[in-house]
Amino acid sequence: MTDRVRAHVFVSGRVQGVYYRATTRDTAREKGVDGWVRNLDDGRVEAAFEGPEGDVRDMVAWCETGSRAADVDDVDVEYGEPEGADGFEIRR
């Protein structure tokens, strides 16, 4: 599993109340990417993606647009070592 990477992202803009988390979960599951997504109190969305590097980078790129109703201003990403995520969930 040495080909797995992790991306920890913070997405800002109009990203809460626009199905961003649900669409992120569905897209990650379709790609076979593990991790989680949640809303933050400051209006941003935070997510972690783990999986093959190409698929994780695809998810980070996807975050630039997100759900149809979202209006993304910025995506901050930090790549690192995987932490063993299994499946993809919405955290509350």
C-alpha atoms as a PDB file:
ATOM      1  CA  MET A   1       0.000   0.000   0.000  1.00  0.00           C
ATOM      2  CA  THR A   2       2.964   2.319  -0.442  1.00  0.00           C
ATOM      3  CA  ASP A   3       1.233   4.013  -3.371  1.00  0.00           C
ATOM      4  CA  ARG A   4      -1.358   5.553  -1.038  1.00  0.00           C
ATOM      5  CA  VAL A   5      -1.193   9.248  -0.193  1.00  0.00           C
ATOM      6  CA  ARG A   6      -3.236  11.550   2.015  1.00  0.00           C
ATOM      7  CA  ALA A   7      -4.500  15.034   1.283  1.00  0.00           C
ATOM      8  CA  HIS A   8      -5.935  17.233   4.032  1.00  0.00           C
ATOM      9  CA  VAL A   9      -7.979  20.081   2.544  1.00  0.00           C
ATOM     10  CA  PHE A  10      -9.795  23.196   3.715  1.00  0.00           C
ATOM     11  CA  VAL A  11     -12.333  24.632   1.287  1.00  0.00           C
ATOM     12  CA  SER A  12     -13.642  28.180   1.651  1.00  0.00           C
ATOM     13  CA  GLY A  13     -16.437  30.038  -0.066  1.00  0.00           C
ATOM     14  CA  ARG A  14     -20.148  29.251  -0.201  1.00  0.00           C
ATOM     15  CA  VAL A  15     -19.651  25.574   0.649  1.00  0.00           C
ATOM     16  CA  GLN A  16     -22.101  24.921   3.484  1.00  0.00           C
ATOM     17  CA  GLY A  17     -25.796  24.272   2.909  1.00  0.00           C
ATOM     18  CA  VAL A  18     -25.168  23.467  -0.765  1.00  0.00           C
ATOM     19  CA  TYR A  19     -24.737  19.649  -0.589  1.00  0.00           C
ATOM     20  CA  TYR A  20     -20.965  20.005  -0.696  1.00  0.00           C
ATOM     21  CA  ARG A  21     -20.336  17.300   1.928  1.00  0.00           C
ATOM     22  CA  ALA A  22     -22.780  14.798   0.413  1.00  0.00           C
ATOM     23  CA  THR A  23     -21.441  15.342  -3.088  1.00  0.00           C
ATOM     24  CA  THR A  24     -17.862  15.025  -1.830  1.00  0.00           C
ATOM     25  CA  ARG A  25     -18.730  11.727  -0.140  1.00  0.00           C
ATOM     26  CA  ASP A  26     -20.463  10.369  -3.241  1.00  0.00           C
ATOM     27  CA  THR A  27     -17.623  11.419  -5.552  1.00  0.00           C
ATOM     28  CA  ALA A  28     -14.946   9.954  -3.259  1.00  0.00           C
ATOM     29  CA  ARG A  29     -16.826   6.663  -2.992  1.00  0.00           C
ATOM     30  CA  GLU A  30     -17.176   6.486  -6.794  1.00  0.00           C
ATOM     31  CA  LYS A  31     -13.394   6.926  -7.110  1.00  0.00           C
ATOM     32  CA  GLY A  32     -12.642   4.457  -4.307  1.00  0.00           C
ATOM     33  CA  VAL A  33     -11.005   7.151  -2.168  1.00  0.00           C
ATOM     34  CA  ASP A  34     -11.154   6.793   1.627  1.00  0.00           C
ATOM     35  CA  GLY A  35     -11.484   9.575   4.195  1.00  0.00           C
ATOM     36  CA  TRP A  36     -13.994  12.017   5.591  1.00  0.00           C
ATOM     37  CA  VAL A  37     -15.559  15.460   5.170  1.00  0.00           C
ATOM     38  CA  ARG A  38     -17.117  17.900   7.666  1.00  0.00           C
ATOM     39  CA  ASN A  39     -18.343  21.464   8.098  1.00  0.00           C
ATOM     40  CA  LEU A  40     -16.344  23.829  10.269  1.00  0.00           C
ATOM     41  CA  ASP A  41     -17.814  26.528  12.501  1.00  0.00           C
ATOM     42  CA  ASP A  42     -16.053  29.243  10.468  1.00  0.00           C
ATOM     43  CA  GLY A  43     -17.989  28.359   7.285  1.00  0.00           C
ATOM     44  CA  ARG A  44     -15.296  26.263   5.621  1.00  0.00           C
ATOM     45  CA  VAL A  45     -15.399  22.567   4.777  1.00  0.00           C
ATOM     46  CA  GLU A  46     -12.565  20.298   5.885  1.00  0.00           C
ATOM     47  CA  ALA A  47     -11.815  16.947   4.257  1.00  0.00           C
ATOM     48  CA  ALA A  48      -9.192  14.223   4.200  1.00  0.00           C
ATOM     49  CA  PHE A  49      -8.678  11.936   1.228  1.00  0.00           C
ATOM     50  CA  GLU A  50      -6.573   8.758   1.164  1.00  0.00           C
ATOM     51  CA  GLY A  51      -5.893   6.463  -1.741  1.00  0.00           C
ATOM     52  CA  PRO A  52      -3.825   6.139  -4.908  1.00  0.00           C
ATOM     53  CA  GLU A  53      -2.062   9.422  -5.683  1.00  0.00           C
ATOM     54  CA  GLY A  54      -3.902  10.064  -8.952  1.00  0.00           C
ATOM     55  CA  ASP A  55      -7.333   9.530  -7.398  1.00  0.00           C
ATOM     56  CA  VAL A  56      -6.513  11.706  -4.383  1.00  0.00           C
ATOM     57  CA  ARG A  57      -5.261  14.488  -6.664  1.00  0.00           C
ATOM     58  CA  ASP A  58      -8.492  14.140  -8.682  1.00  0.00           C
ATOM     59  CA  MET A  59     -10.501  14.665  -5.484  1.00  0.00           C
ATOM     60  CA  VAL A  60      -8.465  17.746  -4.583  1.00  0.00           C
ATOM     61  CA  ALA A  61      -9.091  19.127  -8.080  1.00  0.00           C
ATOM     62  CA  TRP A  62     -12.788  18.273  -7.720  1.00  0.00           C
ATOM     63  CA  CYS A  63     -12.886  20.386  -4.539  1.00  0.00           C
ATOM     64  CA  GLU A  64     -12.118  23.477  -6.636  1.00  0.00           C
ATOM     65  CA  THR A  65     -15.699  23.301  -7.962  1.00  0.00           C
ATOM     66  CA  GLY A  66     -17.551  20.959  -5.620  1.00  0.00           C
ATOM     67  CA  SER A  67     -21.320  20.586  -5.753  1.00  0.00           C
ATOM     68  CA  ARG A  68     -23.376  22.443  -8.361  1.00  0.00           C
ATOM     69  CA  ALA A  69     -24.645  25.015  -5.874  1.00  0.00           C
ATOM     70  CA  ALA A  70     -21.240  25.701  -4.293  1.00  0.00           C
ATOM     71  CA  ASP A  71     -19.115  28.758  -4.986  1.00  0.00           C
ATOM     72  CA  VAL A  72     -15.560  27.842  -4.001  1.00  0.00           C
ATOM     73  CA  ASP A  73     -13.148  30.686  -3.250  1.00  0.00           C
ATOM     74  CA  ASP A  74     -10.078  28.733  -2.180  1.00  0.00           C
ATOM     75  CA  VAL A  75      -8.763  25.227  -1.504  1.00  0.00           C
ATOM     76  CA  ASP A  76      -5.806  24.810   0.850  1.00  0.00           C
ATOM     77  CA  VAL A  77      -4.218  21.361   0.663  1.00  0.00           C
ATOM     78  CA  GLU A  78      -1.430  19.601   2.504  1.00  0.00           C
ATOM     79  CA  TYR A  79      -0.190  16.189   1.382  1.00  0.00           C
ATOM     80  CA  GLY A  80       1.145  13.669   3.867  1.00  0.00           C
ATOM     81  CA  GLU A  81       1.346  10.074   4.953  1.00  0.00           C
ATOM     82  CA  PRO A  82      -1.919   8.070   5.020  1.00  0.00           C
ATOM     83  CA  GLU A  83      -3.482   7.452   8.422  1.00  0.00           C
ATOM     84  CA  GLY A  84      -5.352   4.271   7.498  1.00  0.00           C
ATOM     85  CA  ALA A  85      -8.799   5.622   6.608  1.00  0.00           C
ATOM     86  CA  ASP A  86     -11.215   2.938   5.431  1.00  0.00           C
ATOM     87  CA  GLY A  87     -14.363   4.021   3.578  1.00  0.00           C
ATOM     88  CA  PHE A  88     -15.612   7.571   3.286  1.00  0.00           C
ATOM     89  CA  GLU A  89     -17.878   9.322   5.793  1.00  0.00           C
ATOM     90  CA  ILE A  90     -19.458  12.632   6.612  1.00  0.00           C
ATOM     91  CA  ARG A  91     -18.377  13.734  10.073  1.00  0.00           C
ATOM     92  CA  ARG A  92     -20.606  15.927  12.151  1.00  0.00           C
END
